[in-house]
Amino acid sequence: MNFKPDYRHMLAVANNQKPSRLPLYEHIISPLIMEKILNVKFADCIDGNEDDIENYFKHFSRFFKEMTYDTISYEICITHILPGSGALLGGKPGPIQNRKDFNNYPWNELDSKFWNYAQKRFDILIRQIPEGMKVIGGIGNGVFEISEDLVGLEYLAYMQVDDPQLFSDIYASIGDLLVRIWKRFLEQYADFFVVCRFGDDLGFRSSTLTSINNIRQFILPQYKRIISLIKSYNKPFLWHSCGCIFDVMDDVIELGINAKHSTKMLYLHSING
C-alpha cells in the first residue's frame, strides 16, 4: 500500500481550513467488523493480559491505516467503571435515587477505578499508533449520559421534582469527576490526540431528552468546564450528540466546539465564524 496517513489533514478540517485532501472519519467502528475485514480475531483481547491488549491495539490501529484513515478513533467510557451502572441502557433505575444513595456513592474512588482500567489501554494504544497518525477521542460519555447511568432517564425527572437540590448536586459532582479525569488525560496524552471529543446524546427524533432549561442550567455549564480545559491544551473539540438538538445548538457553539458529529452527519464549525 502506498497510502501515507497524515493527521494534519484532520487538524486542518477541525480548524475550519481546507486540507490538501479530505480525511475520513468514523466516530466508532466495531472491532467485530474490523475482524471480518482484516480476517483476524482480536476483539476479545481487549480484556486480556498486557500481551493480549498489545495484540488488540496492533490490529485496531493498523485497521485505520489500511482503510486509509489519517486518525484513529478511540475513547474509554466513564460508564464502564461506574458501580451499579446500566441504567443508561434503560429498563431500570440507577444506583442513586435519593440523598442517602448520593452520599454513599464512592465518588472519591471513581478516578482510581477509571485509571486502573484506562491507563494501560491508553499507554498501549500510544505505542501502536502508526507513523503519521494521531488519535481522535479521549474520555467517553458526557454529562447527561452519566446522569442517566447514575439515576435513570425517567428517574431524573422524579428526582428534580422531589429533591431539586440533589438533582443539581448530581450534575455538579459529575462535572467535578469529568474535569479531574480529563485533566489527567490531557497531562499525559494530549500530544498523541489531534482532536478531543466526548459524546452526549441529548436528543431523540423530535426533541431533546430533557428540557432546554435543564440543558442550559445544569449540563452546559459542565460542558464549558471540560471544553475550556481541552482548549487550554490547544486541542480542537468535537461534540457528538444524536437527536433533535437544534434548540441548544447555538448555546453549544458558543462554548467553543470545533465540530459536531451525529450518527448520520458531521457538522464543522469555525470558532471564528
C-alpha atoms as a PDB file:
ATOM      1  CA  MET A   1       0.000   0.000   0.000  1.00  0.00           C
ATOM      2  CA  ASN A   2       1.239   3.464  -0.890  1.00  0.00           C
ATOM      3  CA  PHE A   3      -1.123   5.316   1.463  1.00  0.00           C
ATOM      4  CA  LYS A   4       0.711   7.526   3.939  1.00  0.00           C
ATOM      5  CA  PRO A   5      -1.509   8.818   6.759  1.00  0.00           C
ATOM      6  CA  ASP A   6      -1.124  12.389   7.915  1.00  0.00           C
ATOM      7  CA  TYR A   7      -3.147  13.581  10.905  1.00  0.00           C
ATOM      8  CA  ARG A   8      -2.610  17.178   9.820  1.00  0.00           C
ATOM      9  CA  HIS A   9      -5.400  16.781   7.278  1.00  0.00           C
ATOM     10  CA  MET A  10      -7.856  16.230  10.136  1.00  0.00           C
ATOM     11  CA  LEU A  11      -6.312  19.046  12.143  1.00  0.00           C
ATOM     12  CA  ALA A  12      -6.910  21.419   9.234  1.00  0.00           C
ATOM     13  CA  VAL A  13     -10.558  20.362   8.957  1.00  0.00           C
ATOM     14  CA  ALA A  14     -11.088  20.777  12.713  1.00  0.00           C
ATOM     15  CA  ASN A  15      -9.703  24.314  12.424  1.00  0.00           C
ATOM     16  CA  ASN A  16     -12.015  25.141   9.503  1.00  0.00           C
ATOM     17  CA  GLN A  17      -9.169  25.102   6.996  1.00  0.00           C
ATOM     18  CA  LYS A  18      -9.105  23.330   3.639  1.00  0.00           C
ATOM     19  CA  PRO A  19      -6.882  20.230   3.755  1.00  0.00           C
ATOM     20  CA  SER A  20      -4.890  19.075   0.758  1.00  0.00           C
ATOM     21  CA  ARG A  21      -7.149  16.015   0.749  1.00  0.00           C
ATOM     22  CA  LEU A  22     -10.339  15.236   2.624  1.00  0.00           C
ATOM     23  CA  PRO A  23      -9.738  12.912   5.583  1.00  0.00           C
ATOM     24  CA  LEU A  24     -12.103  10.085   6.507  1.00  0.00           C
ATOM     25  CA  TYR A  25     -13.697   9.957   9.948  1.00  0.00           C
ATOM     26  CA  GLU A  26     -15.706   7.362  11.831  1.00  0.00           C
ATOM     27  CA  HIS A  27     -16.812   8.004  15.383  1.00  0.00           C
ATOM     28  CA  ILE A  28     -16.878   4.312  16.295  1.00  0.00           C
ATOM     29  CA  ILE A  29     -16.078   1.171  14.312  1.00  0.00           C
ATOM     30  CA  SER A  30     -16.908  -2.170  15.887  1.00  0.00           C
ATOM     31  CA  PRO A  31     -13.850  -4.389  16.375  1.00  0.00           C
ATOM     32  CA  LEU A  32     -16.046  -7.276  15.229  1.00  0.00           C
ATOM     33  CA  ILE A  33     -16.366  -5.560  11.845  1.00  0.00           C
ATOM     34  CA  MET A  34     -12.618  -4.931  11.860  1.00  0.00           C
ATOM     35  CA  GLU A  35     -12.078  -8.656  12.416  1.00  0.00           C
ATOM     36  CA  LYS A  36     -14.070  -9.530   9.307  1.00  0.00           C
ATOM     37  CA  ILE A  37     -12.231  -7.003   7.150  1.00  0.00           C
ATOM     38  CA  LEU A  38      -8.758  -7.880   8.451  1.00  0.00           C
ATOM     39  CA  ASN A  39      -9.560 -11.596   8.654  1.00  0.00           C
ATOM     40  CA  VAL A  40      -8.050 -11.912  12.112  1.00  0.00           C
ATOM     41  CA  LYS A  41      -9.587 -12.479  15.550  1.00  0.00           C
ATOM     42  CA  PHE A  42      -8.579  -9.920  18.161  1.00  0.00           C
ATOM     43  CA  ALA A  43     -11.674  -8.213  19.644  1.00  0.00           C
ATOM     44  CA  ASP A  44     -11.701 -10.329  22.816  1.00  0.00           C
ATOM     45  CA  CYS A  45      -8.084  -9.421  23.534  1.00  0.00           C
ATOM     46  CA  ILE A  46      -9.046  -6.020  24.940  1.00  0.00           C
ATOM     47  CA  ASP A  47      -9.925  -7.602  28.294  1.00  0.00           C
ATOM     48  CA  GLY A  48      -6.946  -9.951  28.439  1.00  0.00           C
ATOM     49  CA  ASN A  49      -3.441  -9.553  29.823  1.00  0.00           C
ATOM     50  CA  GLU A  50      -0.967  -6.925  28.645  1.00  0.00           C
ATOM     51  CA  ASP A  51       0.195  -9.039  25.704  1.00  0.00           C
ATOM     52  CA  ASP A  52      -3.421  -9.547  24.655  1.00  0.00           C
ATOM     53  CA  ILE A  53      -4.126  -5.813  24.832  1.00  0.00           C
ATOM     54  CA  GLU A  54      -0.972  -5.131  22.828  1.00  0.00           C
ATOM     55  CA  ASN A  55      -2.240  -7.529  20.172  1.00  0.00           C
ATOM     56  CA  TYR A  56      -5.641  -5.836  20.230  1.00  0.00           C
ATOM     57  CA  PHE A  57      -4.269  -2.371  19.537  1.00  0.00           C
ATOM     58  CA  LYS A  58      -1.811  -3.663  16.916  1.00  0.00           C
ATOM     59  CA  HIS A  59      -4.747  -4.785  14.762  1.00  0.00           C
ATOM     60  CA  PHE A  60      -7.074  -1.984  15.877  1.00  0.00           C
ATOM     61  CA  SER A  61      -4.566   0.662  14.805  1.00  0.00           C
ATOM     62  CA  ARG A  62      -3.499  -0.965  11.561  1.00  0.00           C
ATOM     63  CA  PHE A  63      -7.158  -1.230  10.550  1.00  0.00           C
ATOM     64  CA  PHE A  64      -7.436   2.553  10.416  1.00  0.00           C
ATOM     65  CA  LYS A  65      -4.223   2.865   8.431  1.00  0.00           C
ATOM     66  CA  GLU A  66      -5.112   0.116   5.964  1.00  0.00           C
ATOM     67  CA  MET A  67      -8.566   1.623   5.468  1.00  0.00           C
ATOM     68  CA  THR A  68      -6.852   4.954   4.601  1.00  0.00           C
ATOM     69  CA  TYR A  69      -7.774   6.979   7.673  1.00  0.00           C
ATOM     70  CA  ASP A  70      -5.434   9.675   8.927  1.00  0.00           C
ATOM     71  CA  THR A  71      -6.575   9.251  12.519  1.00  0.00           C
ATOM     72  CA  ILE A  72      -7.597   6.501  14.913  1.00  0.00           C
ATOM     73  CA  SER A  73     -10.901   6.873  16.750  1.00  0.00           C
ATOM     74  CA  TYR A  74     -10.696   5.733  20.360  1.00  0.00           C
ATOM     75  CA  GLU A  75     -12.187   6.615  23.723  1.00  0.00           C
ATOM     76  CA  ILE A  76     -12.732   4.928  27.079  1.00  0.00           C
ATOM     77  CA  CYS A  77     -16.145   5.479  28.608  1.00  0.00           C
ATOM     78  CA  ILE A  78     -16.711   6.588  32.191  1.00  0.00           C
ATOM     79  CA  THR A  79     -19.847   4.448  32.470  1.00  0.00           C
ATOM     80  CA  HIS A  80     -17.684   1.361  32.057  1.00  0.00           C
ATOM     81  CA  ILE A  81     -16.392   1.736  35.602  1.00  0.00           C
ATOM     82  CA  LEU A  82     -19.397   3.203  37.450  1.00  0.00           C
ATOM     83  CA  PRO A  83     -20.599   0.945  40.292  1.00  0.00           C
ATOM     84  CA  GLY A  84     -24.187  -0.103  39.658  1.00  0.00           C
ATOM     85  CA  SER A  85     -24.090   1.133  36.069  1.00  0.00           C
ATOM     86  CA  GLY A  86     -26.524   0.094  33.367  1.00  0.00           C
ATOM     87  CA  ALA A  87     -29.449   2.496  33.664  1.00  0.00           C
ATOM     88  CA  LEU A  88     -28.208   4.374  30.590  1.00  0.00           C
ATOM     89  CA  LEU A  89     -29.483   1.443  28.547  1.00  0.00           C
ATOM     90  CA  GLY A  90     -32.942   1.818  30.100  1.00  0.00           C
ATOM     91  CA  GLY A  91     -35.229  -0.554  31.934  1.00  0.00           C
ATOM     92  CA  LYS A  92     -34.014   0.013  35.479  1.00  0.00           C
ATOM     93  CA  PRO A  93     -33.179   2.799  37.943  1.00  0.00           C
ATOM     94  CA  GLY A  94     -29.582   3.755  38.533  1.00  0.00           C
ATOM     95  CA  PRO A  95     -27.714   3.388  41.838  1.00  0.00           C
ATOM     96  CA  ILE A  96     -28.546   6.940  43.016  1.00  0.00           C
ATOM     97  CA  GLN A  97     -32.213   7.587  43.801  1.00  0.00           C
ATOM     98  CA  ASN A  98     -32.044   9.739  46.930  1.00  0.00           C
ATOM     99  CA  ARG A  99     -29.697  11.793  49.082  1.00  0.00           C
ATOM    100  CA  LYS A 100     -28.519   8.754  51.042  1.00  0.00           C
ATOM    101  CA  ASP A 101     -27.569   6.967  47.826  1.00  0.00           C
ATOM    102  CA  PHE A 102     -25.721  10.079  46.676  1.00  0.00           C
ATOM    103  CA  ASN A 103     -23.814  10.447  49.939  1.00  0.00           C
ATOM    104  CA  ASN A 104     -22.887   6.751  49.990  1.00  0.00           C
ATOM    105  CA  TYR A 105     -21.800   6.595  46.378  1.00  0.00           C
ATOM    106  CA  PRO A 106     -17.994   6.099  46.114  1.00  0.00           C
ATOM    107  CA  TRP A 107     -17.293   9.359  44.281  1.00  0.00           C
ATOM    108  CA  ASN A 108     -13.747   9.535  45.646  1.00  0.00           C
ATOM    109  CA  GLU A 109     -12.926   6.095  44.244  1.00  0.00           C
ATOM    110  CA  LEU A 110     -14.076   6.708  40.684  1.00  0.00           C
ATOM    111  CA  ASP A 111     -10.871   8.380  39.469  1.00  0.00           C
ATOM    112  CA  SER A 112      -8.796   5.401  40.584  1.00  0.00           C
ATOM    113  CA  LYS A 113     -11.275   2.911  39.147  1.00  0.00           C
ATOM    114  CA  PHE A 114     -11.183   4.669  35.801  1.00  0.00           C
ATOM    115  CA  TRP A 115      -7.408   4.918  35.593  1.00  0.00           C
ATOM    116  CA  ASN A 116      -6.876   1.360  36.822  1.00  0.00           C
ATOM    117  CA  TYR A 117      -8.810   0.315  33.736  1.00  0.00           C
ATOM    118  CA  ALA A 118      -7.764   3.004  31.264  1.00  0.00           C
ATOM    119  CA  GLN A 119      -4.084   3.706  31.906  1.00  0.00           C
ATOM    120  CA  LYS A 120      -2.605   0.582  30.343  1.00  0.00           C
ATOM    121  CA  ARG A 121      -5.024   0.733  27.410  1.00  0.00           C
ATOM    122  CA  PHE A 122      -4.110   4.310  26.552  1.00  0.00           C
ATOM    123  CA  ASP A 123      -0.402   3.552  27.047  1.00  0.00           C
ATOM    124  CA  ILE A 124      -0.500   0.538  24.733  1.00  0.00           C
ATOM    125  CA  LEU A 125      -2.570   2.367  22.133  1.00  0.00           C
ATOM    126  CA  ILE A 126       0.058   5.122  22.046  1.00  0.00           C
ATOM    127  CA  ARG A 127       2.789   2.557  21.364  1.00  0.00           C
ATOM    128  CA  GLN A 128       0.829   1.177  18.430  1.00  0.00           C
ATOM    129  CA  ILE A 129      -0.023   4.428  16.612  1.00  0.00           C
ATOM    130  CA  PRO A 130       1.307   4.142  13.042  1.00  0.00           C
ATOM    131  CA  GLU A 131       3.661   6.812  11.752  1.00  0.00           C
ATOM    132  CA  GLY A 132       1.843   9.928  10.604  1.00  0.00           C
ATOM    133  CA  MET A 133      -1.300   9.234  12.611  1.00  0.00           C
ATOM    134  CA  LYS A 134      -2.802  10.566  15.822  1.00  0.00           C
ATOM    135  CA  VAL A 135      -5.981   9.757  17.715  1.00  0.00           C
ATOM    136  CA  ILE A 136      -9.399  11.411  17.907  1.00  0.00           C
ATOM    137  CA  GLY A 137     -11.193  10.684  21.151  1.00  0.00           C
ATOM    138  CA  GLY A 138     -10.396  10.711  24.837  1.00  0.00           C
ATOM    139  CA  ILE A 139     -12.873  10.204  27.666  1.00  0.00           C
ATOM    140  CA  GLY A 140     -16.183   8.746  26.556  1.00  0.00           C
ATOM    141  CA  ASN A 141     -19.619   9.769  27.854  1.00  0.00           C
ATOM    142  CA  GLY A 142     -20.781  13.292  28.542  1.00  0.00           C
ATOM    143  CA  VAL A 143     -22.541  14.863  31.483  1.00  0.00           C
ATOM    144  CA  PHE A 144     -26.096  13.858  30.611  1.00  0.00           C
ATOM    145  CA  GLU A 145     -25.291  10.245  29.737  1.00  0.00           C
ATOM    146  CA  ILE A 146     -23.530   9.794  33.065  1.00  0.00           C
ATOM    147  CA  SER A 147     -26.524  11.259  34.913  1.00  0.00           C
ATOM    148  CA  GLU A 148     -28.758   8.799  33.057  1.00  0.00           C
ATOM    149  CA  ASP A 149     -26.486   5.941  34.096  1.00  0.00           C
ATOM    150  CA  LEU A 150     -26.367   7.022  37.737  1.00  0.00           C
ATOM    151  CA  VAL A 151     -30.066   7.818  38.096  1.00  0.00           C
ATOM    152  CA  GLY A 152     -32.039   6.743  35.017  1.00  0.00           C
ATOM    153  CA  LEU A 153     -33.760   8.944  32.464  1.00  0.00           C
ATOM    154  CA  GLU A 154     -37.277   8.855  33.904  1.00  0.00           C
ATOM    155  CA  TYR A 155     -35.963   8.830  37.478  1.00  0.00           C
ATOM    156  CA  LEU A 156     -34.097  12.071  36.853  1.00  0.00           C
ATOM    157  CA  ALA A 157     -37.474  13.706  36.249  1.00  0.00           C
ATOM    158  CA  TYR A 158     -38.802  12.377  39.555  1.00  0.00           C
ATOM    159  CA  MET A 159     -35.660  13.500  41.366  1.00  0.00           C
ATOM    160  CA  GLN A 160     -35.883  17.032  40.025  1.00  0.00           C
ATOM    161  CA  VAL A 161     -39.381  17.371  41.494  1.00  0.00           C
ATOM    162  CA  ASP A 162     -38.763  15.515  44.750  1.00  0.00           C
ATOM    163  CA  ASP A 163     -35.308  16.887  45.562  1.00  0.00           C
ATOM    164  CA  PRO A 164     -34.170  19.695  43.246  1.00  0.00           C
ATOM    165  CA  GLN A 165     -31.000  20.298  45.266  1.00  0.00           C
ATOM    166  CA  LEU A 166     -29.962  16.682  44.842  1.00  0.00           C
ATOM    167  CA  PHE A 167     -30.690  16.966  41.119  1.00  0.00           C
ATOM    168  CA  SER A 168     -28.339  19.937  40.938  1.00  0.00           C
ATOM    169  CA  ASP A 169     -25.692  18.246  43.085  1.00  0.00           C
ATOM    170  CA  ILE A 170     -25.628  15.218  40.776  1.00  0.00           C
ATOM    171  CA  TYR A 171     -24.610  17.363  37.829  1.00  0.00           C
ATOM    172  CA  ALA A 172     -22.025  19.313  39.815  1.00  0.00           C
ATOM    173  CA  SER A 173     -20.421  16.082  41.020  1.00  0.00           C
ATOM    174  CA  ILE A 174     -20.387  14.638  37.501  1.00  0.00           C
ATOM    175  CA  GLY A 175     -18.721  17.808  36.263  1.00  0.00           C
ATOM    176  CA  ASP A 176     -16.091  17.621  39.006  1.00  0.00           C
ATOM    177  CA  LEU A 177     -15.361  13.990  38.120  1.00  0.00           C
ATOM    178  CA  LEU A 178     -15.050  14.692  34.409  1.00  0.00           C
ATOM    179  CA  VAL A 179     -12.769  17.679  34.923  1.00  0.00           C
ATOM    180  CA  ARG A 180     -10.426  15.635  37.115  1.00  0.00           C
ATOM    181  CA  ILE A 181     -10.251  12.743  34.673  1.00  0.00           C
ATOM    182  CA  TRP A 182      -9.890  14.961  31.602  1.00  0.00           C
ATOM    183  CA  LYS A 183      -7.134  16.961  33.317  1.00  0.00           C
ATOM    184  CA  ARG A 184      -5.041  13.873  33.953  1.00  0.00           C
ATOM    185  CA  PHE A 185      -5.771  12.581  30.460  1.00  0.00           C
ATOM    186  CA  LEU A 186      -4.589  15.812  28.858  1.00  0.00           C
ATOM    187  CA  GLU A 187      -1.495  15.992  31.021  1.00  0.00           C
ATOM    188  CA  GLN A 188      -0.438  12.526  29.881  1.00  0.00           C
ATOM    189  CA  TYR A 189      -1.794  12.100  26.365  1.00  0.00           C
ATOM    190  CA  ALA A 190      -2.524  15.476  24.743  1.00  0.00           C
ATOM    191  CA  ASP A 191       0.431  15.151  22.368  1.00  0.00           C
ATOM    192  CA  PHE A 192      -0.981  11.958  20.862  1.00  0.00           C
ATOM    193  CA  PHE A 193      -4.523  13.216  20.273  1.00  0.00           C
ATOM    194  CA  VAL A 194      -5.197  15.572  17.389  1.00  0.00           C
ATOM    195  CA  VAL A 195      -8.847  16.215  18.381  1.00  0.00           C
ATOM    196  CA  CYS A 196     -10.540  15.579  21.711  1.00  0.00           C
ATOM    197  CA  ARG A 197     -14.170  14.593  21.912  1.00  0.00           C
ATOM    198  CA  PHE A 198     -16.982  13.262  24.048  1.00  0.00           C
ATOM    199  CA  GLY A 199     -20.406  12.004  23.119  1.00  0.00           C
ATOM    200  CA  ASP A 200     -23.556  13.005  24.987  1.00  0.00           C
ATOM    201  CA  ASP A 201     -26.857  12.135  23.341  1.00  0.00           C
ATOM    202  CA  LEU A 202     -29.195  14.947  24.356  1.00  0.00           C
ATOM    203  CA  GLY A 203     -31.981  14.260  21.890  1.00  0.00           C
ATOM    204  CA  PHE A 204     -34.136  11.816  20.002  1.00  0.00           C
ATOM    205  CA  ARG A 205     -36.030  12.122  16.712  1.00  0.00           C
ATOM    206  CA  SER A 206     -38.285  15.064  17.575  1.00  0.00           C
ATOM    207  CA  SER A 207     -36.969  16.730  20.731  1.00  0.00           C
ATOM    208  CA  THR A 208     -34.352  16.856  23.442  1.00  0.00           C
ATOM    209  CA  LEU A 209     -34.444  14.167  26.117  1.00  0.00           C
ATOM    210  CA  THR A 210     -34.677  16.706  28.910  1.00  0.00           C
ATOM    211  CA  SER A 211     -35.906  20.292  28.952  1.00  0.00           C
ATOM    212  CA  ILE A 212     -33.980  23.074  27.263  1.00  0.00           C
ATOM    213  CA  ASN A 213     -33.783  24.860  30.621  1.00  0.00           C
ATOM    214  CA  ASN A 214     -32.225  21.787  32.221  1.00  0.00           C
ATOM    215  CA  ILE A 215     -29.622  21.579  29.484  1.00  0.00           C
ATOM    216  CA  ARG A 216     -28.738  25.240  29.844  1.00  0.00           C
ATOM    217  CA  GLN A 217     -28.773  25.336  33.640  1.00  0.00           C
ATOM    218  CA  PHE A 218     -27.211  22.001  34.606  1.00  0.00           C
ATOM    219  CA  ILE A 219     -25.463  20.401  31.634  1.00  0.00           C
ATOM    220  CA  LEU A 220     -23.859  23.137  29.548  1.00  0.00           C
ATOM    221  CA  PRO A 221     -22.027  24.757  32.492  1.00  0.00           C
ATOM    222  CA  GLN A 222     -20.245  21.430  32.982  1.00  0.00           C
ATOM    223  CA  TYR A 223     -19.538  21.221  29.246  1.00  0.00           C
ATOM    224  CA  LYS A 224     -17.932  24.636  29.471  1.00  0.00           C
ATOM    225  CA  ARG A 225     -15.538  23.495  32.181  1.00  0.00           C
ATOM    226  CA  ILE A 226     -14.395  20.493  30.146  1.00  0.00           C
ATOM    227  CA  ILE A 227     -14.187  22.269  26.787  1.00  0.00           C
ATOM    228  CA  SER A 228     -12.263  25.163  28.326  1.00  0.00           C
ATOM    229  CA  LEU A 229      -9.792  22.690  29.808  1.00  0.00           C
ATOM    230  CA  ILE A 230      -9.335  20.945  26.454  1.00  0.00           C
ATOM    231  CA  LYS A 231      -8.867  24.294  24.694  1.00  0.00           C
ATOM    232  CA  SER A 232      -6.217  25.277  27.245  1.00  0.00           C
ATOM    233  CA  TYR A 233      -4.116  22.486  25.701  1.00  0.00           C
ATOM    234  CA  ASN A 234      -4.716  23.955  22.219  1.00  0.00           C
ATOM    235  CA  LYS A 235      -6.811  20.970  21.180  1.00  0.00           C
ATOM    236  CA  PRO A 236      -9.845  21.201  18.894  1.00  0.00           C
ATOM    237  CA  PHE A 237     -13.008  19.725  20.391  1.00  0.00           C
ATOM    238  CA  LEU A 238     -15.594  17.547  18.655  1.00  0.00           C
ATOM    239  CA  TRP A 239     -19.003  17.106  20.284  1.00  0.00           C
ATOM    240  CA  HIS A 240     -21.222  14.152  19.469  1.00  0.00           C
ATOM    241  CA  SER A 241     -24.938  14.237  20.117  1.00  0.00           C
ATOM    242  CA  CYS A 242     -27.697  12.357  18.352  1.00  0.00           C
ATOM    243  CA  GLY A 243     -31.248  13.601  18.120  1.00  0.00           C
ATOM    244  CA  CYS A 244     -33.043  16.876  17.599  1.00  0.00           C
ATOM    245  CA  ILE A 245     -30.877  19.355  19.496  1.00  0.00           C
ATOM    246  CA  PHE A 246     -31.323  22.458  17.325  1.00  0.00           C
ATOM    247  CA  ASP A 247     -32.773  24.464  20.235  1.00  0.00           C
ATOM    248  CA  VAL A 248     -29.448  24.301  22.074  1.00  0.00           C
ATOM    249  CA  MET A 249     -27.064  24.143  19.110  1.00  0.00           C
ATOM    250  CA  ASP A 250     -26.208  27.845  19.279  1.00  0.00           C
ATOM    251  CA  ASP A 251     -25.539  27.515  23.016  1.00  0.00           C
ATOM    252  CA  VAL A 252     -23.092  24.686  22.428  1.00  0.00           C
ATOM    253  CA  ILE A 253     -21.347  26.509  19.566  1.00  0.00           C
ATOM    254  CA  GLU A 254     -20.786  29.429  21.943  1.00  0.00           C
ATOM    255  CA  LEU A 255     -18.875  27.076  24.232  1.00  0.00           C
ATOM    256  CA  GLY A 256     -16.183  26.806  21.555  1.00  0.00           C
ATOM    257  CA  ILE A 257     -16.761  23.470  19.855  1.00  0.00           C
ATOM    258  CA  ASN A 258     -14.933  22.950  16.558  1.00  0.00           C
ATOM    259  CA  ALA A 259     -17.114  20.175  15.181  1.00  0.00           C
ATOM    260  CA  LYS A 260     -20.408  18.424  15.830  1.00  0.00           C
ATOM    261  CA  HIS A 261     -20.991  14.765  14.992  1.00  0.00           C
ATOM    262  CA  SER A 262     -24.152  12.692  14.963  1.00  0.00           C
ATOM    263  CA  THR A 263     -24.987   9.234  13.694  1.00  0.00           C
ATOM    264  CA  LYS A 264     -25.777  10.484  10.213  1.00  0.00           C
ATOM    265  CA  MET A 265     -23.692  13.586   9.679  1.00  0.00           C
ATOM    266  CA  LEU A 266     -20.687  15.639  10.731  1.00  0.00           C
ATOM    267  CA  TYR A 267     -21.049  19.393  11.103  1.00  0.00           C
ATOM    268  CA  LEU A 268     -17.931  21.545  11.109  1.00  0.00           C
ATOM    269  CA  HIS A 269     -17.986  24.999  12.628  1.00  0.00           C
ATOM    270  CA  SER A 270     -15.189  27.505  12.950  1.00  0.00           C
ATOM    271  CA  ILE A 271     -14.833  29.169  16.335  1.00  0.00           C
ATOM    272  CA  ASN A 272     -14.073  32.297  14.322  1.00  0.00           C
ATOM    273  CA  GLY A 273     -17.372  32.108  12.456  1.00  0.00           C
END
